[in-house]
């Protein structure tokens, strides 16, 4: 099964959850998501999503200097992003329950 369609539907919520733990820059976010199990995830998938979430008002960013080169753009949740994260979690649990019931019934 191709996981890309499932990934598209859940990655946004997972990104909000990870960023809720504290501000993070793009490459660091990719690494965290890789460590959490999104092993095939690349920056080319994450960076456009960060831009979309910022444009929609779910994230805010701030450039900070880096000791290892150019400044980095750090992302954090806005109040709107915090609400979106909460809604995602509720929707995920609901969907999980439905799918589990369907699987158990087969």
PDB file of N, CA and C in Angstrom:
ATOM      1  N   UNK A   1       0.841  -1.190   0.000  1.00  0.00           N
ATOM      2  CA  UNK A   1       0.000   0.000   0.000  1.00  0.00           C
ATOM      3  C   UNK A   1       0.882   1.248   0.000  1.00  0.00           C
ATOM      4  N   UNK A   2       0.484   2.231  -0.744  1.00  0.00           N
ATOM      5  CA  UNK A   2       1.212   3.490  -0.806  1.00  0.00           C
ATOM      6  C   UNK A   2       0.785   4.368   0.377  1.00  0.00           C
ATOM      7  N   UNK A   3       1.732   4.674   1.233  1.00  0.00           N
ATOM      8  CA  UNK A   3       1.431   5.465   2.432  1.00  0.00           C
ATOM      9  C   UNK A   3       1.325   6.954   2.159  1.00  0.00           C
ATOM     10  N   UNK A   4       1.655   7.403   0.939  1.00  0.00           N
ATOM     11  CA  UNK A   4       1.710   8.848   0.687  1.00  0.00           C
ATOM     12  C   UNK A   4       0.359   9.524   0.883  1.00  0.00           C
ATOM     13  N   UNK A   5      -0.728   8.882   0.509  1.00  0.00           N
ATOM     14  CA  UNK A   5      -2.045   9.494   0.697  1.00  0.00           C
ATOM     15  C   UNK A   5      -2.403   9.600   2.172  1.00  0.00           C
ATOM     16  N   UNK A   6      -2.097   8.552   2.941  1.00  0.00           N
ATOM     17  CA  UNK A   6      -2.326   8.615   4.385  1.00  0.00           C
ATOM     18  C   UNK A   6      -1.433   9.677   5.026  1.00  0.00           C
ATOM     19  N   UNK A   7      -0.204   9.755   4.554  1.00  0.00           N
ATOM     20  CA  UNK A   7       0.747  10.725   5.096  1.00  0.00           C
ATOM     21  C   UNK A   7       0.259  12.147   4.900  1.00  0.00           C
ATOM     22  N   UNK A   8      -0.238  12.464   3.721  1.00  0.00           N
ATOM     23  CA  UNK A   8      -0.707  13.820   3.439  1.00  0.00           C
ATOM     24  C   UNK A   8      -1.790  14.241   4.412  1.00  0.00           C
ATOM     25  N   UNK A   9      -2.651  13.313   4.778  1.00  0.00           N
ATOM     26  CA  UNK A   9      -3.763  13.631   5.659  1.00  0.00           C
ATOM     27  C   UNK A   9      -3.384  13.772   7.121  1.00  0.00           C
ATOM     28  N   UNK A  10      -2.237  13.233   7.509  1.00  0.00           N
ATOM     29  CA  UNK A  10      -1.878  13.254   8.926  1.00  0.00           C
ATOM     30  C   UNK A  10      -0.638  14.079   9.244  1.00  0.00           C
ATOM     31  N   UNK A  11       0.187  14.326   8.255  1.00  0.00           N
ATOM     32  CA  UNK A  11       1.455  15.010   8.513  1.00  0.00           C
ATOM     33  C   UNK A  11       1.253  16.405   9.096  1.00  0.00           C
ATOM     34  N   UNK A  12       0.286  17.127   8.583  1.00  0.00           N
ATOM     35  CA  UNK A  12       0.046  18.482   9.078  1.00  0.00           C
ATOM     36  C   UNK A  12      -0.224  18.477  10.574  1.00  0.00           C
ATOM     37  N   UNK A  13      -1.096  17.591  11.014  1.00  0.00           N
ATOM     38  CA  UNK A  13      -1.397  17.502  12.444  1.00  0.00           C
ATOM     39  C   UNK A  13      -0.195  17.078  13.265  1.00  0.00           C
ATOM     40  N   UNK A  14       0.582  16.137  12.732  1.00  0.00           N
ATOM     41  CA  UNK A  14       1.778  15.686  13.442  1.00  0.00           C
ATOM     42  C   UNK A  14       2.810  16.801  13.546  1.00  0.00           C
ATOM     43  N   UNK A  15       2.942  17.603  12.517  1.00  0.00           N
ATOM     44  CA  UNK A  15       3.864  18.743  12.547  1.00  0.00           C
ATOM     45  C   UNK A  15       3.431  19.716  13.642  1.00  0.00           C
ATOM     46  N   UNK A  16       2.149  20.005  13.727  1.00  0.00           N
ATOM     47  CA  UNK A  16       1.662  20.912  14.772  1.00  0.00           C
ATOM     48  C   UNK A  16       1.950  20.351  16.163  1.00  0.00           C
ATOM     49  N   UNK A  17       1.775  19.054  16.330  1.00  0.00           N
ATOM     50  CA  UNK A  17       2.016  18.423  17.632  1.00  0.00           C
ATOM     51  C   UNK A  17       3.491  18.524  18.011  1.00  0.00           C
ATOM     52  N   UNK A  18       4.374  18.240  17.067  1.00  0.00           N
ATOM     53  CA  UNK A  18       5.815  18.309  17.353  1.00  0.00           C
ATOM     54  C   UNK A  18       6.235  19.742  17.677  1.00  0.00           C
ATOM     55  N   UNK A  19       5.749  20.703  16.913  1.00  0.00           N
ATOM     56  CA  UNK A  19       6.128  22.097  17.147  1.00  0.00           C
ATOM     57  C   UNK A  19       5.543  22.605  18.463  1.00  0.00           C
ATOM     58  N   UNK A  20       4.435  22.037  18.901  1.00  0.00           N
ATOM     59  CA  UNK A  20       3.838  22.452  20.179  1.00  0.00           C
ATOM     60  C   UNK A  20       4.784  22.197  21.351  1.00  0.00           C
ATOM     61  N   UNK A  21       5.720  21.259  21.189  1.00  0.00           N
ATOM     62  CA  UNK A  21       6.676  20.960  22.257  1.00  0.00           C
ATOM     63  C   UNK A  21       7.737  22.042  22.399  1.00  0.00           C
ATOM     64  N   UNK A  22       7.851  22.916  21.419  1.00  0.00           N
ATOM     65  CA  UNK A  22       8.831  24.001  21.475  1.00  0.00           C
ATOM     66  C   UNK A  22       9.261  24.393  20.078  1.00  0.00           C
ATOM     67  N   UNK A  23       9.695  25.632  19.934  1.00  0.00           N
ATOM     68  CA  UNK A  23      10.054  26.114  18.606  1.00  0.00           C
ATOM     69  C   UNK A  23      11.147  25.247  17.987  1.00  0.00           C
ATOM     70  N   UNK A  24      11.090  25.163  16.663  1.00  0.00           N
ATOM     71  CA  UNK A  24      11.975  24.271  15.944  1.00  0.00           C
ATOM     72  C   UNK A  24      12.250  24.857  14.563  1.00  0.00           C
ATOM     73  N   UNK A  25      13.432  24.608  14.024  1.00  0.00           N
ATOM     74  CA  UNK A  25      13.722  25.035  12.650  1.00  0.00           C
ATOM     75  C   UNK A  25      13.494  23.843  11.715  1.00  0.00           C
ATOM     76  N   UNK A  26      13.387  24.113  10.438  1.00  0.00           N
ATOM     77  CA  UNK A  26      12.942  23.125   9.473  1.00  0.00           C
ATOM     78  C   UNK A  26      13.696  21.813   9.486  1.00  0.00           C
ATOM     79  N   UNK A  27      15.018  21.859   9.374  1.00  0.00           N
ATOM     80  CA  UNK A  27      15.806  20.630   9.328  1.00  0.00           C
ATOM     81  C   UNK A  27      15.663  19.848  10.625  1.00  0.00           C
ATOM     82  N   UNK A  28      15.622  20.555  11.749  1.00  0.00           N
ATOM     83  CA  UNK A  28      15.434  19.911  13.049  1.00  0.00           C
ATOM     84  C   UNK A  28      14.082  19.196  13.099  1.00  0.00           C
ATOM     85  N   UNK A  29      13.057  19.819  12.534  1.00  0.00           N
ATOM     86  CA  UNK A  29      11.728  19.209  12.486  1.00  0.00           C
ATOM     87  C   UNK A  29      11.757  17.924  11.663  1.00  0.00           C
ATOM     88  N   UNK A  30      12.416  17.955  10.514  1.00  0.00           N
ATOM     89  CA  UNK A  30      12.531  16.756   9.677  1.00  0.00           C
ATOM     90  C   UNK A  30      13.208  15.641  10.467  1.00  0.00           C
ATOM     91  N   UNK A  31      14.282  15.959  11.175  1.00  0.00           N
ATOM     92  CA  UNK A  31      14.990  14.958  11.976  1.00  0.00           C
ATOM     93  C   UNK A  31      14.087  14.380  13.067  1.00  0.00           C
ATOM     94  N   UNK A  32      13.350  15.241  13.753  1.00  0.00           N
ATOM     95  CA  UNK A  32      12.448  14.768  14.811  1.00  0.00           C
ATOM     96  C   UNK A  32      11.383  13.850  14.244  1.00  0.00           C
ATOM     97  N   UNK A  33      10.797  14.233  13.118  1.00  0.00           N
ATOM     98  CA  UNK A  33       9.768  13.398  12.507  1.00  0.00           C
ATOM     99  C   UNK A  33      10.356  12.065  12.049  1.00  0.00           C
ATOM    100  N   UNK A  34      11.582  12.076  11.541  1.00  0.00           N
ATOM    101  CA  UNK A  34      12.257  10.827  11.169  1.00  0.00           C
ATOM    102  C   UNK A  34      12.423   9.929  12.393  1.00  0.00           C
ATOM    103  N   UNK A  35      12.845  10.514  13.502  1.00  0.00           N
ATOM    104  CA  UNK A  35      13.048   9.750  14.738  1.00  0.00           C
ATOM    105  C   UNK A  35      11.735   9.193  15.282  1.00  0.00           C
ATOM    106  N   UNK A  36      10.646   9.892  15.009  1.00  0.00           N
ATOM    107  CA  UNK A  36       9.335   9.461  15.503  1.00  0.00           C
ATOM    108  C   UNK A  36       8.663   8.430  14.600  1.00  0.00           C
ATOM    109  N   UNK A  37       9.324   8.083  13.486  1.00  0.00           N
ATOM    110  CA  UNK A  37       8.787   7.021  12.644  1.00  0.00           C
ATOM    111  C   UNK A  37       8.517   7.394  11.207  1.00  0.00           C
ATOM    112  N   UNK A  38       8.532   8.666  10.880  1.00  0.00           N
ATOM    113  CA  UNK A  38       8.361   9.091   9.487  1.00  0.00           C
ATOM    114  C   UNK A  38       9.726   8.993   8.782  1.00  0.00           C
ATOM    115  N   UNK A  39      10.194   7.765   8.607  1.00  0.00           N
ATOM    116  CA  UNK A  39      11.568   7.524   8.171  1.00  0.00           C
ATOM    117  C   UNK A  39      11.844   7.941   6.727  1.00  0.00           C
ATOM    118  N   UNK A  40      10.852   8.000   5.879  1.00  0.00           N
ATOM    119  CA  UNK A  40      11.061   8.369   4.479  1.00  0.00           C
ATOM    120  C   UNK A  40      10.772   9.847   4.208  1.00  0.00           C
ATOM    121  N   UNK A  41      10.540  10.607   5.239  1.00  0.00           N
ATOM    122  CA  UNK A  41      10.181  12.010   5.096  1.00  0.00           C
ATOM    123  C   UNK A  41      11.413  12.839   4.749  1.00  0.00           C
ATOM    124  N   UNK A  42      11.251  13.761   3.809  1.00  0.00           N
ATOM    125  CA  UNK A  42      12.358  14.627   3.393  1.00  0.00           C
ATOM    126  C   UNK A  42      11.944  16.092   3.530  1.00  0.00           C
ATOM    127  N   UNK A  43      12.948  16.951   3.496  1.00  0.00           N
ATOM    128  CA  UNK A  43      12.694  18.382   3.618  1.00  0.00           C
ATOM    129  C   UNK A  43      11.773  18.919   2.539  1.00  0.00           C
ATOM    130  N   UNK A  44      11.850  18.345   1.340  1.00  0.00           N
ATOM    131  CA  UNK A  44      11.004  18.794   0.237  1.00  0.00           C
ATOM    132  C   UNK A  44       9.527  18.604   0.502  1.00  0.00           C
ATOM    133  N   UNK A  45       9.198  17.761   1.463  1.00  0.00           N
ATOM    134  CA  UNK A  45       7.809  17.573   1.875  1.00  0.00           C
ATOM    135  C   UNK A  45       7.461  18.517   3.015  1.00  0.00           C
ATOM    136  N   UNK A  46       8.390  18.706   3.933  1.00  0.00           N
ATOM    137  CA  UNK A  46       8.123  19.465   5.153  1.00  0.00           C
ATOM    138  C   UNK A  46       8.155  20.981   4.934  1.00  0.00           C
ATOM    139  N   UNK A  47       9.134  21.479   4.179  1.00  0.00           N
ATOM    140  CA  UNK A  47       9.270  22.930   4.025  1.00  0.00           C
ATOM    141  C   UNK A  47       8.043  23.591   3.389  1.00  0.00           C
ATOM    142  N   UNK A  48       7.466  23.024   2.321  1.00  0.00           N
ATOM    143  CA  UNK A  48       6.238  23.633   1.783  1.00  0.00           C
ATOM    144  C   UNK A  48       5.079  23.608   2.789  1.00  0.00           C
ATOM    145  N   UNK A  49       5.024  22.556   3.603  1.00  0.00           N
ATOM    146  CA  UNK A  49       3.977  22.471   4.617  1.00  0.00           C
ATOM    147  C   UNK A  49       4.166  23.562   5.672  1.00  0.00           C
ATOM    148  N   UNK A  50       5.399  23.802   6.079  1.00  0.00           N
ATOM    149  CA  UNK A  50       5.667  24.877   7.036  1.00  0.00           C
ATOM    150  C   UNK A  50       5.249  26.227   6.462  1.00  0.00           C
ATOM    151  N   UNK A  51       5.563  26.451   5.193  1.00  0.00           N
ATOM    152  CA  UNK A  51       5.166  27.715   4.550  1.00  0.00           C
ATOM    153  C   UNK A  51       3.654  27.857   4.512  1.00  0.00           C
ATOM    154  N   UNK A  52       2.961  26.776   4.184  1.00  0.00           N
ATOM    155  CA  UNK A  52       1.492  26.800   4.125  1.00  0.00           C
ATOM    156  C   UNK A  52       0.904  27.095   5.509  1.00  0.00           C
ATOM    157  N   UNK A  53       1.408  26.406   6.534  1.00  0.00           N
ATOM    158  CA  UNK A  53       0.897  26.604   7.888  1.00  0.00           C
ATOM    159  C   UNK A  53       1.161  28.032   8.380  1.00  0.00           C
ATOM    160  N   UNK A  54       2.308  28.583   8.003  1.00  0.00           N
ATOM    161  CA  UNK A  54       2.603  29.966   8.397  1.00  0.00           C
ATOM    162  C   UNK A  54       1.686  30.935   7.651  1.00  0.00           C
ATOM    163  N   UNK A  55       1.512  30.706   6.369  1.00  0.00           N
ATOM    164  CA  UNK A  55       0.642  31.576   5.565  1.00  0.00           C
ATOM    165  C   UNK A  55      -0.797  31.547   6.083  1.00  0.00           C
ATOM    166  N   UNK A  56      -1.242  30.365   6.539  1.00  0.00           N
ATOM    167  CA  UNK A  56      -2.607  30.214   7.052  1.00  0.00           C
ATOM    168  C   UNK A  56      -2.775  30.744   8.473  1.00  0.00           C
ATOM    169  N   UNK A  57      -1.664  31.132   9.111  1.00  0.00           N
ATOM    170  CA  UNK A  57      -1.754  31.698  10.453  1.00  0.00           C
ATOM    171  C   UNK A  57      -1.633  30.694  11.581  1.00  0.00           C
ATOM    172  N   UNK A  58      -1.264  29.451  11.259  1.00  0.00           N
ATOM    173  CA  UNK A  58      -1.122  28.424  12.292  1.00  0.00           C
ATOM    174  C   UNK A  58       0.256  28.454  12.945  1.00  0.00           C
ATOM    175  N   UNK A  59       1.246  28.970  12.218  1.00  0.00           N
ATOM    176  CA  UNK A  59       2.611  29.072  12.714  1.00  0.00           C
ATOM    177  C   UNK A  59       3.092  30.506  12.580  1.00  0.00           C
ATOM    178  N   UNK A  60       4.046  30.846  13.433  1.00  0.00           N
ATOM    179  CA  UNK A  60       4.785  32.094  13.267  1.00  0.00           C
ATOM    180  C   UNK A  60       6.259  31.714  13.244  1.00  0.00           C
ATOM    181  N   UNK A  61       7.065  32.564  12.635  1.00  0.00           N
ATOM    182  CA  UNK A  61       8.487  32.243  12.546  1.00  0.00           C
ATOM    183  C   UNK A  61       9.327  33.424  12.981  1.00  0.00           C
ATOM    184  N   UNK A  62      10.548  33.090  13.352  1.00  0.00           N
ATOM    185  CA  UNK A  62      11.504  34.104  13.787  1.00  0.00           C
ATOM    186  C   UNK A  62      12.898  33.626  13.383  1.00  0.00           C
ATOM    187  N   UNK A  63      13.655  34.504  12.747  1.00  0.00           N
ATOM    188  CA  UNK A  63      15.041  34.167  12.376  1.00  0.00           C
ATOM    189  C   UNK A  63      15.947  34.380  13.576  1.00  0.00           C
ATOM    190  N   UNK A  64      16.809  33.377  13.806  1.00  0.00           N
ATOM    191  CA  UNK A  64      17.759  33.462  14.911  1.00  0.00           C
ATOM    192  C   UNK A  64      19.132  33.061  14.397  1.00  0.00           C
ATOM    193  N   UNK A  65      20.177  33.684  14.932  1.00  0.00           N
ATOM    194  CA  UNK A  65      21.520  33.336  14.491  1.00  0.00           C
ATOM    195  C   UNK A  65      21.874  31.895  14.864  1.00  0.00           C
ATOM    196  N   UNK A  66      22.741  31.297  14.068  1.00  0.00           N
ATOM    197  CA  UNK A  66      23.202  29.945  14.314  1.00  0.00           C
ATOM    198  C   UNK A  66      24.714  29.958  14.465  1.00  0.00           C
ATOM    199  N   UNK A  67      25.234  29.166  15.376  1.00  0.00           N
ATOM    200  CA  UNK A  67      26.687  29.074  15.556  1.00  0.00           C
ATOM    201  C   UNK A  67      27.328  28.251  14.444  1.00  0.00           C
ATOM    202  N   UNK A  68      26.489  27.581  13.646  1.00  0.00           N
ATOM    203  CA  UNK A  68      26.986  26.677  12.608  1.00  0.00           C
ATOM    204  C   UNK A  68      26.739  27.196  11.196  1.00  0.00           C
ATOM    205  N   UNK A  69      26.577  28.493  11.021  1.00  0.00           N
ATOM    206  CA  UNK A  69      26.357  29.024   9.683  1.00  0.00           C
ATOM    207  C   UNK A  69      25.327  30.131   9.676  1.00  0.00           C
ATOM    208  N   UNK A  70      24.543  30.196   8.577  1.00  0.00           N
ATOM    209  CA  UNK A  70      23.554  31.272   8.477  1.00  0.00           C
ATOM    210  C   UNK A  70      22.445  31.143   9.514  1.00  0.00           C
ATOM    211  N   UNK A  71      21.714  32.229   9.689  1.00  0.00           N
ATOM    212  CA  UNK A  71      20.608  32.216  10.656  1.00  0.00           C
ATOM    213  C   UNK A  71      19.563  31.179  10.248  1.00  0.00           C
ATOM    214  N   UNK A  72      18.798  30.748  11.219  1.00  0.00           N
ATOM    215  CA  UNK A  72      17.766  29.731  10.994  1.00  0.00           C
ATOM    216  C   UNK A  72      16.394  30.322  11.284  1.00  0.00           C
ATOM    217  N   UNK A  73      15.415  29.810  10.565  1.00  0.00           N
ATOM    218  CA  UNK A  73      14.038  30.241  10.753  1.00  0.00           C
ATOM    219  C   UNK A  73      13.365  29.253  11.718  1.00  0.00           C
ATOM    220  N   UNK A  74      13.036  29.728  12.896  1.00  0.00           N
ATOM    221  CA  UNK A  74      12.392  28.902  13.922  1.00  0.00           C
ATOM    222  C   UNK A  74      10.885  29.112  13.881  1.00  0.00           C
ATOM    223  N   UNK A  75      10.161  28.011  13.983  1.00  0.00           N
ATOM    224  CA  UNK A  75       8.702  28.043  13.934  1.00  0.00           C
ATOM    225  C   UNK A  75       8.121  27.726  15.300  1.00  0.00           C
ATOM    226  N   UNK A  76       7.016  28.389  15.610  1.00  0.00           N
ATOM    227  CA  UNK A  76       6.244  28.092  16.814  1.00  0.00           C
ATOM    228  C   UNK A  76       4.762  28.239  16.477  1.00  0.00           C
ATOM    229  N   UNK A  77       3.924  27.661  17.331  1.00  0.00           N
ATOM    230  CA  UNK A  77       2.482  27.700  17.096  1.00  0.00           C
ATOM    231  C   UNK A  77       1.892  29.047  17.497  1.00  0.00           C
ATOM    232  N   UNK A  78       0.931  29.496  16.722  1.00  0.00           N
ATOM    233  CA  UNK A  78       0.101  30.632  17.111  1.00  0.00           C
ATOM    234  C   UNK A  78      -1.065  30.073  17.931  1.00  0.00           C
ATOM    235  N   UNK A  79      -1.884  30.935  18.476  1.00  0.00           N
ATOM    236  CA  UNK A  79      -3.080  30.462  19.185  1.00  0.00           C
ATOM    237  C   UNK A  79      -3.973  29.666  18.231  1.00  0.00           C
ATOM    238  N   UNK A  80      -4.076  30.124  16.996  1.00  0.00           N
ATOM    239  CA  UNK A  80      -4.870  29.412  15.997  1.00  0.00           C
ATOM    240  C   UNK A  80      -4.271  28.022  15.745  1.00  0.00           C
ATOM    241  N   UNK A  81      -2.957  27.932  15.692  1.00  0.00           N
ATOM    242  CA  UNK A  81      -2.286  26.652  15.489  1.00  0.00           C
ATOM    243  C   UNK A  81      -2.517  25.701  16.653  1.00  0.00           C
ATOM    244  N   UNK A  82      -2.552  26.247  17.859  1.00  0.00           N
ATOM    245  CA  UNK A  82      -2.825  25.421  19.045  1.00  0.00           C
ATOM    246  C   UNK A  82      -4.231  24.832  18.971  1.00  0.00           C
ATOM    247  N   UNK A  83      -5.189  25.641  18.539  1.00  0.00           N
ATOM    248  CA  UNK A  83      -6.567  25.149  18.384  1.00  0.00           C
ATOM    249  C   UNK A  83      -6.649  24.094  17.284  1.00  0.00           C
ATOM    250  N   UNK A  84      -5.955  24.326  16.194  1.00  0.00           N
ATOM    251  CA  UNK A  84      -5.955  23.367  15.084  1.00  0.00           C
ATOM    252  C   UNK A  84      -5.347  22.041  15.528  1.00  0.00           C
ATOM    253  N   UNK A  85      -4.309  22.100  16.334  1.00  0.00           N
ATOM    254  CA  UNK A  85      -3.678  20.888  16.869  1.00  0.00           C
ATOM    255  C   UNK A  85      -4.673  20.114  17.733  1.00  0.00           C
ATOM    256  N   UNK A  86      -5.387  20.821  18.602  1.00  0.00           N
ATOM    257  CA  UNK A  86      -6.380  20.165  19.465  1.00  0.00           C
ATOM    258  C   UNK A  86      -7.464  19.491  18.632  1.00  0.00           C
ATOM    259  N   UNK A  87      -7.955  20.185  17.606  1.00  0.00           N
ATOM    260  CA  UNK A  87      -8.994  19.619  16.738  1.00  0.00           C
ATOM    261  C   UNK A  87      -8.480  18.391  15.999  1.00  0.00           C
ATOM    262  N   UNK A  88      -7.230  18.437  15.543  1.00  0.00           N
ATOM    263  CA  UNK A  88      -6.641  17.285  14.855  1.00  0.00           C
ATOM    264  C   UNK A  88      -6.632  16.072  15.774  1.00  0.00           C
ATOM    265  N   UNK A  89      -6.213  16.264  17.024  1.00  0.00           N
ATOM    266  CA  UNK A  89      -6.125  15.145  17.966  1.00  0.00           C
ATOM    267  C   UNK A  89      -7.504  14.528  18.192  1.00  0.00           C
ATOM    268  N   UNK A  90      -8.520  15.358  18.364  1.00  0.00           N
ATOM    269  CA  UNK A  90      -9.888  14.849  18.560  1.00  0.00           C
ATOM    270  C   UNK A  90     -10.343  14.075  17.321  1.00  0.00           C
ATOM    271  N   UNK A  91     -10.115  14.650  16.135  1.00  0.00           N
ATOM    272  CA  UNK A  91     -10.508  13.985  14.896  1.00  0.00           C
ATOM    273  C   UNK A  91      -9.744  12.680  14.696  1.00  0.00           C
ATOM    274  N   UNK A  92      -8.460  12.683  15.042  1.00  0.00           N
ATOM    275  CA  UNK A  92      -7.648  11.477  14.884  1.00  0.00           C
ATOM    276  C   UNK A  92      -8.173  10.355  15.776  1.00  0.00           C
ATOM    277  N   UNK A  93      -8.454  10.671  17.030  1.00  0.00           N
ATOM    278  CA  UNK A  93      -8.963   9.642  17.939  1.00  0.00           C
ATOM    279  C   UNK A  93     -10.301   9.092  17.461  1.00  0.00           C
ATOM    280  N   UNK A  94     -11.135   9.946  16.942  1.00  0.00           N
ATOM    281  CA  UNK A  94     -12.426   9.509  16.412  1.00  0.00           C
ATOM    282  C   UNK A  94     -12.232   8.579  15.216  1.00  0.00           C
ATOM    283  N   UNK A  95     -11.378   8.984  14.285  1.00  0.00           N
ATOM    284  CA  UNK A  95     -11.102   8.156  13.109  1.00  0.00           C
ATOM    285  C   UNK A  95     -10.461   6.832  13.501  1.00  0.00           C
ATOM    286  N   UNK A  96      -9.537   6.892  14.452  1.00  0.00           N
ATOM    287  CA  UNK A  96      -8.861   5.685  14.924  1.00  0.00           C
ATOM    288  C   UNK A  96      -9.872   4.684  15.495  1.00  0.00           C
ATOM    289  N   UNK A  97     -10.810   5.199  16.251  1.00  0.00           N
ATOM    290  CA  UNK A  97     -11.836   4.341  16.853  1.00  0.00           C
ATOM    291  C   UNK A  97     -12.699   3.690  15.767  1.00  0.00           C
ATOM    292  N   UNK A  98     -13.091   4.453  14.766  1.00  0.00           N
ATOM    293  CA  UNK A  98     -13.912   3.923  13.677  1.00  0.00           C
ATOM    294  C   UNK A  98     -13.154   2.840  12.911  1.00  0.00           C
ATOM    295  N   UNK A  99     -11.904   3.117  12.550  1.00  0.00           N
ATOM    296  CA  UNK A  99     -11.115   2.149  11.783  1.00  0.00           C
ATOM    297  C   UNK A  99     -10.884   0.892  12.598  1.00  0.00           C
ATOM    298  N   UNK A 100     -10.582   1.042  13.878  1.00  0.00           N
ATOM    299  CA  UNK A 100     -10.380  -0.126  14.729  1.00  0.00           C
ATOM    300  C   UNK A 100     -11.646  -0.974  14.820  1.00  0.00           C
ATOM    301  N   UNK A 101     -12.815  -0.349  14.894  1.00  0.00           N
ATOM    302  CA  UNK A 101     -14.067  -1.104  14.923  1.00  0.00           C
ATOM    303  C   UNK A 101     -14.280  -1.863  13.621  1.00  0.00           C
ATOM    304  N   UNK A 102     -13.962  -1.227  12.519  1.00  0.00           N
ATOM    305  CA  UNK A 102     -14.114  -1.882  11.219  1.00  0.00           C
ATOM    306  C   UNK A 102     -13.164  -3.071  11.111  1.00  0.00           C
ATOM    307  N   UNK A 103     -11.916  -2.878  11.532  1.00  0.00           N
ATOM    308  CA  UNK A 103     -10.938  -3.964  11.476  1.00  0.00           C
ATOM    309  C   UNK A 103     -11.370  -5.121  12.370  1.00  0.00           C
ATOM    310  N   UNK A 104     -11.840  -4.818  13.556  1.00  0.00           N
ATOM    311  CA  UNK A 104     -12.260  -5.862  14.500  1.00  0.00           C
ATOM    312  C   UNK A 104     -13.464  -6.636  13.973  1.00  0.00           C
ATOM    313  N   UNK A 105     -14.282  -5.977  13.181  1.00  0.00           N
ATOM    314  CA  UNK A 105     -15.471  -6.635  12.663  1.00  0.00           C
ATOM    315  C   UNK A 105     -15.208  -7.526  11.472  1.00  0.00           C
ATOM    316  N   UNK A 106     -14.008  -7.458  10.910  1.00  0.00           N
ATOM    317  CA  UNK A 106     -13.682  -8.267   9.715  1.00  0.00           C
ATOM    318  C   UNK A 106     -13.075  -9.585  10.096  1.00  0.00           C
TER     319      UNK A 106
END
